[in-house]
Amino acid sequence: KQTKCYDIYFTQGVAGLAKGSSVSFSGVPVGTIQKISLLPNRPEFVWVQIVVDAQTPVLQGTTAQIRTVGFTAPPEIQ
């Protein structure tokens, strides 16, 4: 299975996200979070690296959001 890696930069907190958390596209699970850290030399940004299935239609202008899935499930990136 081929994958693609993307970097996402958030200016808000990412509480609840963790390495291995789910990434979904239109509600369909497509990948996982690989890394979360502060952006070196720019700590106002949180750097989240994701890996998704290569067939996922990530195009220019595609946005990422942190979504709570349920009361007991951890948040995920959509």
PDB file of N, CA and C in Angstrom:
ATOM      1  N   LYS A   1       0.850  -1.180   0.000  1.00  0.00           N
ATOM      2  CA  LYS A   1       0.000   0.000   0.000  1.00  0.00           C
ATOM      3  C   LYS A   1       0.890   1.234   0.000  1.00  0.00           C
ATOM      4  N   GLN A   2       0.705   2.109  -0.973  1.00  0.00           N
ATOM      5  CA  GLN A   2       1.513   3.316  -1.064  1.00  0.00           C
ATOM      6  C   GLN A   2       0.904   4.437  -0.236  1.00  0.00           C
ATOM      7  N   THR A   3       1.770   5.254   0.350  1.00  0.00           N
ATOM      8  CA  THR A   3       1.328   6.360   1.200  1.00  0.00           C
ATOM      9  C   THR A   3       2.024   7.646   0.781  1.00  0.00           C
ATOM     10  N   LYS A   4       1.459   8.758   1.268  1.00  0.00           N
ATOM     11  CA  LYS A   4       2.063  10.070   1.077  1.00  0.00           C
ATOM     12  C   LYS A   4       2.131  10.751   2.437  1.00  0.00           C
ATOM     13  N   CYS A   5       3.162  11.561   2.622  1.00  0.00           N
ATOM     14  CA  CYS A   5       3.377  12.268   3.872  1.00  0.00           C
ATOM     15  C   CYS A   5       3.050  13.754   3.668  1.00  0.00           C
ATOM     16  N   TYR A   6       2.371  14.353   4.638  1.00  0.00           N
ATOM     17  CA  TYR A   6       2.034  15.775   4.588  1.00  0.00           C
ATOM     18  C   TYR A   6       2.357  16.415   5.930  1.00  0.00           C
ATOM     19  N   ASP A   7       2.772  17.673   5.882  1.00  0.00           N
ATOM     20  CA  ASP A   7       3.001  18.464   7.084  1.00  0.00           C
ATOM     21  C   ASP A   7       1.851  19.449   7.239  1.00  0.00           C
ATOM     22  N   ILE A   8       1.310  19.540   8.444  1.00  0.00           N
ATOM     23  CA  ILE A   8       0.220  20.470   8.758  1.00  0.00           C
ATOM     24  C   ILE A   8       0.711  21.359   9.890  1.00  0.00           C
ATOM     25  N   TYR A   9       0.425  22.652   9.790  1.00  0.00           N
ATOM     26  CA  TYR A   9       0.842  23.603  10.817  1.00  0.00           C
ATOM     27  C   TYR A   9      -0.392  24.237  11.433  1.00  0.00           C
ATOM     28  N   PHE A  10      -0.558  24.039  12.745  1.00  0.00           N
ATOM     29  CA  PHE A  10      -1.696  24.594  13.475  1.00  0.00           C
ATOM     30  C   PHE A  10      -1.228  25.762  14.331  1.00  0.00           C
ATOM     31  N   THR A  11      -2.057  26.797  14.428  1.00  0.00           N
ATOM     32  CA  THR A  11      -1.756  27.920  15.314  1.00  0.00           C
ATOM     33  C   THR A  11      -2.507  27.791  16.631  1.00  0.00           C
ATOM     34  N   GLN A  12      -3.461  26.869  16.691  1.00  0.00           N
ATOM     35  CA  GLN A  12      -4.182  26.629  17.936  1.00  0.00           C
ATOM     36  C   GLN A  12      -3.639  25.363  18.591  1.00  0.00           C
ATOM     37  N   GLY A  13      -4.028  25.149  19.844  1.00  0.00           N
ATOM     38  CA  GLY A  13      -3.605  23.957  20.560  1.00  0.00           C
ATOM     39  C   GLY A  13      -4.133  22.685  19.900  1.00  0.00           C
ATOM     40  N   VAL A  14      -3.415  21.604  20.108  1.00  0.00           N
ATOM     41  CA  VAL A  14      -3.803  20.315  19.518  1.00  0.00           C
ATOM     42  C   VAL A  14      -4.026  19.275  20.616  1.00  0.00           C
ATOM     43  N   ALA A  15      -4.527  19.732  21.753  1.00  0.00           N
ATOM     44  CA  ALA A  15      -4.736  18.844  22.899  1.00  0.00           C
ATOM     45  C   ALA A  15      -5.539  17.616  22.499  1.00  0.00           C
ATOM     46  N   GLY A  16      -5.069  16.460  22.907  1.00  0.00           N
ATOM     47  CA  GLY A  16      -5.761  15.203  22.618  1.00  0.00           C
ATOM     48  C   GLY A  16      -5.194  14.464  21.432  1.00  0.00           C
ATOM     49  N   LEU A  17      -4.565  15.173  20.493  1.00  0.00           N
ATOM     50  CA  LEU A  17      -3.952  14.482  19.358  1.00  0.00           C
ATOM     51  C   LEU A  17      -2.706  13.756  19.837  1.00  0.00           C
ATOM     52  N   ALA A  18      -2.403  12.623  19.212  1.00  0.00           N
ATOM     53  CA  ALA A  18      -1.222  11.856  19.589  1.00  0.00           C
ATOM     54  C   ALA A  18      -0.692  11.106  18.378  1.00  0.00           C
ATOM     55  N   LYS A  19       0.567  10.739  18.444  1.00  0.00           N
ATOM     56  CA  LYS A  19       1.144   9.909  17.401  1.00  0.00           C
ATOM     57  C   LYS A  19       0.292   8.652  17.289  1.00  0.00           C
ATOM     58  N   GLY A  20      -0.094   8.309  16.081  1.00  0.00           N
ATOM     59  CA  GLY A  20      -0.945   7.138  15.856  1.00  0.00           C
ATOM     60  C   GLY A  20      -2.424   7.472  15.775  1.00  0.00           C
ATOM     61  N   SER A  21      -2.812   8.716  16.145  1.00  0.00           N
ATOM     62  CA  SER A  21      -4.219   9.105  16.037  1.00  0.00           C
ATOM     63  C   SER A  21      -4.657   9.055  14.575  1.00  0.00           C
ATOM     64  N   SER A  22      -5.941   8.889  14.381  1.00  0.00           N
ATOM     65  CA  SER A  22      -6.508   8.710  13.052  1.00  0.00           C
ATOM     66  C   SER A  22      -6.571   9.996  12.244  1.00  0.00           C
ATOM     67  N   VAL A  23      -6.421   9.839  10.934  1.00  0.00           N
ATOM     68  CA  VAL A  23      -6.643  10.913   9.967  1.00  0.00           C
ATOM     69  C   VAL A  23      -7.737  10.415   9.037  1.00  0.00           C
ATOM     70  N   SER A  24      -8.780  11.223   8.832  1.00  0.00           N
ATOM     71  CA  SER A  24      -9.862  10.801   7.940  1.00  0.00           C
ATOM     72  C   SER A  24     -10.122  11.875   6.895  1.00  0.00           C
ATOM     73  N   PHE A  25     -10.716  11.455   5.799  1.00  0.00           N
ATOM     74  CA  PHE A  25     -11.072  12.356   4.699  1.00  0.00           C
ATOM     75  C   PHE A  25     -12.537  12.106   4.409  1.00  0.00           C
ATOM     76  N   SER A  26     -13.369  13.119   4.598  1.00  0.00           N
ATOM     77  CA  SER A  26     -14.828  12.992   4.436  1.00  0.00           C
ATOM     78  C   SER A  26     -15.383  11.839   5.265  1.00  0.00           C
ATOM     79  N   GLY A  27     -14.824  11.660   6.465  1.00  0.00           N
ATOM     80  CA  GLY A  27     -15.296  10.628   7.372  1.00  0.00           C
ATOM     81  C   GLY A  27     -14.711   9.251   7.148  1.00  0.00           C
ATOM     82  N   VAL A  28     -13.880   9.088   6.120  1.00  0.00           N
ATOM     83  CA  VAL A  28     -13.278   7.782   5.807  1.00  0.00           C
ATOM     84  C   VAL A  28     -11.855   7.746   6.370  1.00  0.00           C
ATOM     85  N   PRO A  29     -11.516   6.744   7.184  1.00  0.00           N
ATOM     86  CA  PRO A  29     -10.146   6.650   7.701  1.00  0.00           C
ATOM     87  C   PRO A  29      -9.157   6.450   6.553  1.00  0.00           C
ATOM     88  N   VAL A  30      -8.130   7.324   6.492  1.00  0.00           N
ATOM     89  CA  VAL A  30      -7.160   7.246   5.396  1.00  0.00           C
ATOM     90  C   VAL A  30      -5.711   7.218   5.868  1.00  0.00           C
ATOM     91  N   GLY A  31      -5.452   7.441   7.157  1.00  0.00           N
ATOM     92  CA  GLY A  31      -4.073   7.451   7.606  1.00  0.00           C
ATOM     93  C   GLY A  31      -3.934   7.711   9.087  1.00  0.00           C
ATOM     94  N   THR A  32      -2.701   8.064   9.478  1.00  0.00           N
ATOM     95  CA  THR A  32      -2.396   8.281  10.889  1.00  0.00           C
ATOM     96  C   THR A  32      -1.442   9.457  11.057  1.00  0.00           C
ATOM     97  N   ILE A  33      -1.400   9.955  12.297  1.00  0.00           N
ATOM     98  CA  ILE A  33      -0.443  10.989  12.666  1.00  0.00           C
ATOM     99  C   ILE A  33       0.890  10.313  12.968  1.00  0.00           C
ATOM    100  N   GLN A  34       1.963  10.827  12.370  1.00  0.00           N
ATOM    101  CA  GLN A  34       3.291  10.261  12.565  1.00  0.00           C
ATOM    102  C   GLN A  34       4.127  11.037  13.575  1.00  0.00           C
ATOM    103  N   LYS A  35       3.913  12.359  13.656  1.00  0.00           N
ATOM    104  CA  LYS A  35       4.748  13.182  14.527  1.00  0.00           C
ATOM    105  C   LYS A  35       3.989  14.440  14.924  1.00  0.00           C
ATOM    106  N   ILE A  36       4.187  14.873  16.168  1.00  0.00           N
ATOM    107  CA  ILE A  36       3.632  16.140  16.652  1.00  0.00           C
ATOM    108  C   ILE A  36       4.737  16.849  17.426  1.00  0.00           C
ATOM    109  N   SER A  37       5.004  18.098  17.073  1.00  0.00           N
ATOM    110  CA  SER A  37       6.002  18.869  17.813  1.00  0.00           C
ATOM    111  C   SER A  37       5.806  20.352  17.522  1.00  0.00           C
ATOM    112  N   LEU A  38       6.486  21.179  18.311  1.00  0.00           N
ATOM    113  CA  LEU A  38       6.508  22.600  18.012  1.00  0.00           C
ATOM    114  C   LEU A  38       7.430  22.808  16.821  1.00  0.00           C
ATOM    115  N   LEU A  39       7.110  23.762  15.977  1.00  0.00           N
ATOM    116  CA  LEU A  39       7.946  24.052  14.814  1.00  0.00           C
ATOM    117  C   LEU A  39       9.228  24.718  15.308  1.00  0.00           C
ATOM    118  N   PRO A  40      10.391  24.145  14.976  1.00  0.00           N
ATOM    119  CA  PRO A  40      11.649  24.748  15.433  1.00  0.00           C
ATOM    120  C   PRO A  40      11.728  26.218  14.998  1.00  0.00           C
ATOM    121  N   ASN A  41      12.163  27.048  15.905  1.00  0.00           N
ATOM    122  CA  ASN A  41      12.330  28.491  15.689  1.00  0.00           C
ATOM    123  C   ASN A  41      11.015  29.247  15.498  1.00  0.00           C
ATOM    124  N   ARG A  42       9.877  28.586  15.539  1.00  0.00           N
ATOM    125  CA  ARG A  42       8.563  29.242  15.420  1.00  0.00           C
ATOM    126  C   ARG A  42       7.583  28.530  16.362  1.00  0.00           C
ATOM    127  N   PRO A  43       7.787  28.616  17.680  1.00  0.00           N
ATOM    128  CA  PRO A  43       6.980  27.838  18.629  1.00  0.00           C
ATOM    129  C   PRO A  43       5.502  28.210  18.661  1.00  0.00           C
ATOM    130  N   GLU A  44       5.103  29.278  17.942  1.00  0.00           N
ATOM    131  CA  GLU A  44       3.665  29.587  17.888  1.00  0.00           C
ATOM    132  C   GLU A  44       2.922  28.628  16.961  1.00  0.00           C
ATOM    133  N   PHE A  45       3.650  27.796  16.222  1.00  0.00           N
ATOM    134  CA  PHE A  45       3.050  26.802  15.332  1.00  0.00           C
ATOM    135  C   PHE A  45       3.282  25.392  15.867  1.00  0.00           C
ATOM    136  N   VAL A  46       2.239  24.564  15.803  1.00  0.00           N
ATOM    137  CA  VAL A  46       2.370  23.147  16.121  1.00  0.00           C
ATOM    138  C   VAL A  46       2.476  22.402  14.791  1.00  0.00           C
ATOM    139  N   TRP A  47       3.524  21.612  14.649  1.00  0.00           N
ATOM    140  CA  TRP A  47       3.801  20.866  13.420  1.00  0.00           C
ATOM    141  C   TRP A  47       3.279  19.448  13.591  1.00  0.00           C
ATOM    142  N   VAL A  48       2.346  19.058  12.734  1.00  0.00           N
ATOM    143  CA  VAL A  48       1.789  17.708  12.759  1.00  0.00           C
ATOM    144  C   VAL A  48       2.087  17.057  11.410  1.00  0.00           C
ATOM    145  N   GLN A  49       2.769  15.935  11.454  1.00  0.00           N
ATOM    146  CA  GLN A  49       3.092  15.208  10.224  1.00  0.00           C
ATOM    147  C   GLN A  49       2.160  14.002  10.126  1.00  0.00           C
ATOM    148  N   ILE A  50       1.493  13.873   8.966  1.00  0.00           N
ATOM    149  CA  ILE A  50       0.561  12.764   8.768  1.00  0.00           C
ATOM    150  C   ILE A  50       1.007  11.915   7.578  1.00  0.00           C
ATOM    151  N   VAL A  51       0.596  10.664   7.601  1.00  0.00           N
ATOM    152  CA  VAL A  51       0.812   9.762   6.479  1.00  0.00           C
ATOM    153  C   VAL A  51      -0.557   9.227   6.085  1.00  0.00           C
ATOM    154  N   VAL A  52      -0.899   9.382   4.796  1.00  0.00           N
ATOM    155  CA  VAL A  52      -2.207   8.935   4.314  1.00  0.00           C
ATOM    156  C   VAL A  52      -2.032   8.048   3.086  1.00  0.00           C
ATOM    157  N   ASP A  53      -3.069   7.281   2.784  1.00  0.00           N
ATOM    158  CA  ASP A  53      -3.097   6.449   1.591  1.00  0.00           C
ATOM    159  C   ASP A  53      -2.847   7.335   0.368  1.00  0.00           C
ATOM    160  N   ALA A  54      -2.013   6.875  -0.541  1.00  0.00           N
ATOM    161  CA  ALA A  54      -1.645   7.664  -1.720  1.00  0.00           C
ATOM    162  C   ALA A  54      -2.842   8.009  -2.598  1.00  0.00           C
ATOM    163  N   GLN A  55      -3.933   7.267  -2.491  1.00  0.00           N
ATOM    164  CA  GLN A  55      -5.126   7.532  -3.297  1.00  0.00           C
ATOM    165  C   GLN A  55      -6.013   8.635  -2.721  1.00  0.00           C
ATOM    166  N   THR A  56      -5.682   9.138  -1.528  1.00  0.00           N
ATOM    167  CA  THR A  56      -6.470  10.192  -0.897  1.00  0.00           C
ATOM    168  C   THR A  56      -6.357  11.473  -1.732  1.00  0.00           C
ATOM    169  N   PRO A  57      -7.491  12.073  -2.101  1.00  0.00           N
ATOM    170  CA  PRO A  57      -7.462  13.246  -2.995  1.00  0.00           C
ATOM    171  C   PRO A  57      -7.104  14.556  -2.288  1.00  0.00           C
ATOM    172  N   VAL A  58      -5.864  14.643  -1.793  1.00  0.00           N
ATOM    173  CA  VAL A  58      -5.393  15.878  -1.164  1.00  0.00           C
ATOM    174  C   VAL A  58      -4.914  16.799  -2.278  1.00  0.00           C
ATOM    175  N   LEU A  59      -5.621  17.907  -2.460  1.00  0.00           N
ATOM    176  CA  LEU A  59      -5.327  18.847  -3.533  1.00  0.00           C
ATOM    177  C   LEU A  59      -4.930  20.190  -2.951  1.00  0.00           C
ATOM    178  N   GLN A  60      -4.391  21.066  -3.781  1.00  0.00           N
ATOM    179  CA  GLN A  60      -4.087  22.424  -3.332  1.00  0.00           C
ATOM    180  C   GLN A  60      -5.379  23.045  -2.815  1.00  0.00           C
ATOM    181  N   GLY A  61      -5.321  23.631  -1.642  1.00  0.00           N
ATOM    182  CA  GLY A  61      -6.515  24.223  -1.044  1.00  0.00           C
ATOM    183  C   GLY A  61      -7.215  23.310  -0.056  1.00  0.00           C
ATOM    184  N   THR A  62      -6.824  22.040   0.017  1.00  0.00           N
ATOM    185  CA  THR A  62      -7.404  21.126   1.007  1.00  0.00           C
ATOM    186  C   THR A  62      -6.998  21.606   2.398  1.00  0.00           C
ATOM    187  N   THR A  63      -7.947  21.653   3.320  1.00  0.00           N
ATOM    188  CA  THR A  63      -7.655  22.115   4.678  1.00  0.00           C
ATOM    189  C   THR A  63      -7.770  20.967   5.667  1.00  0.00           C
ATOM    190  N   ALA A  64      -7.113  21.120   6.798  1.00  0.00           N
ATOM    191  CA  ALA A  64      -7.150  20.121   7.867  1.00  0.00           C
ATOM    192  C   ALA A  64      -7.761  20.750   9.106  1.00  0.00           C
ATOM    193  N   GLN A  65      -8.556  19.964   9.813  1.00  0.00           N
ATOM    194  CA  GLN A  65      -9.180  20.420  11.048  1.00  0.00           C
ATOM    195  C   GLN A  65      -9.084  19.316  12.079  1.00  0.00           C
ATOM    196  N   ILE A  66      -9.066  19.734  13.340  1.00  0.00           N
ATOM    197  CA  ILE A  66      -9.107  18.772  14.436  1.00  0.00           C
ATOM    198  C   ILE A  66     -10.563  18.588  14.820  1.00  0.00           C
ATOM    199  N   ARG A  67     -11.023  17.354  14.825  1.00  0.00           N
ATOM    200  CA  ARG A  67     -12.424  17.056  15.143  1.00  0.00           C
ATOM    201  C   ARG A  67     -12.509  16.050  16.281  1.00  0.00           C
ATOM    202  N   THR A  68     -13.449  16.296  17.181  1.00  0.00           N
ATOM    203  CA  THR A  68     -13.749  15.328  18.226  1.00  0.00           C
ATOM    204  C   THR A  68     -14.715  14.323  17.643  1.00  0.00           C
ATOM    205  N   VAL A  69     -14.374  13.045  17.775  1.00  0.00           N
ATOM    206  CA  VAL A  69     -15.181  11.986  17.177  1.00  0.00           C
ATOM    207  C   VAL A  69     -16.330  11.568  18.075  1.00  0.00           C
ATOM    208  N   GLY A  70     -16.088  11.532  19.359  1.00  0.00           N
ATOM    209  CA  GLY A  70     -17.131  11.125  20.304  1.00  0.00           C
ATOM    210  C   GLY A  70     -16.677  11.466  21.714  1.00  0.00           C
ATOM    211  N   PHE A  71     -17.492  11.106  22.685  1.00  0.00           N
ATOM    212  CA  PHE A  71     -17.162  11.441  24.069  1.00  0.00           C
ATOM    213  C   PHE A  71     -15.939  10.692  24.569  1.00  0.00           C
ATOM    214  N   THR A  72     -15.745   9.463  24.136  1.00  0.00           N
ATOM    215  CA  THR A  72     -14.649   8.660  24.655  1.00  0.00           C
ATOM    216  C   THR A  72     -13.495   8.495  23.675  1.00  0.00           C
ATOM    217  N   ALA A  73     -13.717   8.765  22.401  1.00  0.00           N
ATOM    218  CA  ALA A  73     -12.666   8.612  21.394  1.00  0.00           C
ATOM    219  C   ALA A  73     -11.774   9.851  21.363  1.00  0.00           C
ATOM    220  N   PRO A  74     -10.472   9.661  21.093  1.00  0.00           N
ATOM    221  CA  PRO A  74      -9.594  10.835  20.991  1.00  0.00           C
ATOM    222  C   PRO A  74      -9.900  11.627  19.730  1.00  0.00           C
ATOM    223  N   PRO A  75      -9.545  12.911  19.698  1.00  0.00           N
ATOM    224  CA  PRO A  75      -9.783  13.706  18.483  1.00  0.00           C
ATOM    225  C   PRO A  75      -8.952  13.168  17.321  1.00  0.00           C
ATOM    226  N   GLU A  76      -9.342  13.527  16.117  1.00  0.00           N
ATOM    227  CA  GLU A  76      -8.614  13.105  14.927  1.00  0.00           C
ATOM    228  C   GLU A  76      -8.495  14.297  13.990  1.00  0.00           C
ATOM    229  N   ILE A  77      -7.665  14.140  12.966  1.00  0.00           N
ATOM    230  CA  ILE A  77      -7.533  15.167  11.936  1.00  0.00           C
ATOM    231  C   ILE A  77      -8.429  14.796  10.784  1.00  0.00           C
ATOM    232  N   GLN A  78      -9.211  15.764  10.301  1.00  0.00           N
ATOM    233  CA  GLN A  78     -10.070  15.567   9.128  1.00  0.00           C
ATOM    234  C   GLN A  78      -9.704  16.602   8.108  1.00  0.00           C
TER     235      GLN A  78
END
